[in-house]
Amino acid sequence: MWLREQKLKAGIGFNTAVLQLLDHMKETQLSDDGPGADELANQMQEARSALYLLCTDDTVDLADALARRVRSTRPTDGRDDRRAEFRKTLDLLCLDLLRHFTHQLRQEIARS
């Protein structure tokens, strides 16, 4: 039971940090007093470190792939059509990986 709870907490922390960082990168509405990109990246890394200690290689590999994708994505300056394309690409690539990671983590938690 303890291991399942710890995996759940780490997964929630990772998912939350990833989504907040994606929102920040898409320049959506985070409050001005909310965490900045560096703090969100640190939160994501901290949660990912917990996943390393608690989860199987398959789950960790998905978390790594998602973290790499998020870190390598940069917002596009310039025209609205390029910004819209960036947001669409970001959503498709990162959210698909996030869904896959979440599914894997759910299966792993159910087996714990």
Protein backbone atom coordinates (compact mmCIF):
# COMPACT_ATOMS: atom_id res chain seq x y z
CA MET A 1 0.00 0.00 0.00
CA TRP A 2 2.80 2.43 0.88
CA LEU A 3 4.58 1.86 -2.44
CA ARG A 4 1.36 2.41 -4.38
CA GLU A 5 0.75 5.71 -2.57
CA GLN A 6 4.30 6.89 -3.20
CA LYS A 7 4.07 6.04 -6.90
CA LEU A 8 0.78 7.91 -7.08
CA LYS A 9 2.24 11.00 -5.36
CA ALA A 10 5.30 10.99 -7.63
CA GLY A 11 3.12 10.56 -10.73
CA ILE A 12 0.82 13.38 -9.70
CA GLY A 13 3.79 15.66 -9.02
CA PHE A 14 5.36 14.82 -12.37
CA ASN A 15 2.14 15.24 -14.36
CA THR A 16 1.34 18.52 -12.63
CA ALA A 17 4.80 19.96 -13.26
CA VAL A 18 4.75 18.84 -16.90
CA LEU A 19 1.34 20.37 -17.56
CA GLN A 20 2.22 23.63 -15.81
CA LEU A 21 5.47 23.85 -17.74
CA LEU A 22 3.67 23.20 -21.02
CA ASP A 23 1.12 25.89 -20.16
CA HIS A 24 3.94 28.26 -19.31
CA MET A 25 5.69 27.51 -22.59
CA LYS A 26 2.50 28.02 -24.57
CA GLU A 27 2.15 31.36 -22.80
CA THR A 28 -1.23 30.45 -21.46
CA GLN A 29 -2.53 32.04 -18.34
CA LEU A 30 -0.47 31.22 -15.32
CA SER A 31 -0.87 33.72 -12.54
CA ASP A 32 1.88 36.28 -12.24
CA ASP A 33 2.74 34.98 -8.79
CA GLY A 34 2.94 31.38 -10.00
CA PRO A 35 6.14 29.41 -10.46
CA GLY A 36 8.48 30.29 -13.31
CA ALA A 37 9.83 27.92 -15.92
CA ASP A 38 12.98 27.09 -13.93
CA GLU A 39 11.02 26.23 -10.80
CA LEU A 40 8.58 24.11 -12.82
CA ALA A 41 11.47 22.28 -14.49
CA ASN A 42 12.96 21.63 -11.04
CA GLN A 43 9.62 20.29 -9.78
CA MET A 44 9.39 18.02 -12.82
CA GLN A 45 12.92 16.73 -12.19
CA GLU A 46 12.26 16.14 -8.49
CA ALA A 47 9.13 14.11 -9.26
CA ARG A 48 10.98 12.23 -11.99
CA SER A 49 13.72 11.34 -9.50
CA ALA A 50 11.07 9.84 -7.22
CA LEU A 51 9.73 7.83 -10.15
CA TYR A 52 13.26 6.49 -10.75
CA LEU A 53 13.34 5.14 -7.21
CA LEU A 54 9.82 3.71 -7.19
CA CYS A 55 8.84 2.58 -10.68
CA THR A 56 9.78 0.04 -13.31
CA ASP A 57 12.06 0.81 -16.24
CA ASP A 58 9.12 1.08 -18.66
CA THR A 59 7.49 3.83 -16.61
CA VAL A 60 10.79 5.64 -16.04
CA ASP A 61 11.61 5.48 -19.77
CA LEU A 62 8.30 7.18 -20.60
CA ALA A 63 8.91 9.86 -17.97
CA ASP A 64 12.38 10.45 -19.45
CA ALA A 65 11.00 10.73 -22.98
CA LEU A 66 8.36 13.19 -21.85
CA ALA A 67 10.84 15.30 -19.87
CA ARG A 68 13.22 15.41 -22.86
CA ARG A 69 10.39 16.43 -25.19
CA VAL A 70 9.23 19.19 -22.87
CA ARG A 71 12.75 20.52 -22.28
CA SER A 72 13.59 20.55 -26.00
CA THR A 73 10.46 22.47 -26.95
CA ARG A 74 10.82 26.21 -27.30
CA PRO A 75 8.05 28.74 -27.88
CA THR A 76 8.00 30.43 -31.24
CA ASP A 77 8.16 34.19 -31.47
CA GLY A 78 6.63 35.97 -34.38
CA ARG A 79 3.52 35.60 -36.43
CA ASP A 80 0.29 34.26 -34.98
CA ASP A 81 0.13 31.38 -37.46
CA ARG A 82 3.58 30.12 -36.38
CA ARG A 83 2.60 30.43 -32.73
CA ALA A 84 -0.62 28.52 -33.38
CA GLU A 85 1.32 25.78 -35.18
CA PHE A 86 3.74 25.55 -32.26
CA ARG A 87 0.85 25.15 -29.80
CA LYS A 88 -0.76 22.47 -31.95
CA THR A 89 2.50 20.54 -32.30
CA LEU A 90 3.23 20.88 -28.60
CA ASP A 91 -0.20 19.55 -27.71
CA LEU A 92 0.02 16.60 -30.08
CA LEU A 93 3.53 15.47 -29.15
CA CYS A 94 3.67 16.16 -25.45
CA LEU A 95 0.11 15.36 -24.47
CA ASP A 96 0.24 12.07 -26.35
CA LEU A 97 3.38 11.13 -24.42
CA LEU A 98 1.77 12.32 -21.19
CA ARG A 99 -1.30 10.13 -21.80
CA HIS A 100 0.92 7.15 -22.54
CA PHE A 101 2.98 7.76 -19.39
CA THR A 102 -0.17 8.12 -17.27
CA HIS A 103 -1.61 4.90 -18.67
CA GLN A 104 1.63 3.03 -17.94
CA LEU A 105 1.79 4.45 -14.41
CA ARG A 106 -1.83 3.47 -13.72
CA GLN A 107 -1.11 -0.10 -14.80
CA GLU A 108 1.98 -0.22 -12.63
CA ILE A 109 0.14 1.15 -9.60
CA ALA A 110 -2.63 -1.41 -10.09
CA ARG A 111 -0.03 -4.20 -10.03
CA SER A 112 1.64 -2.85 -6.85
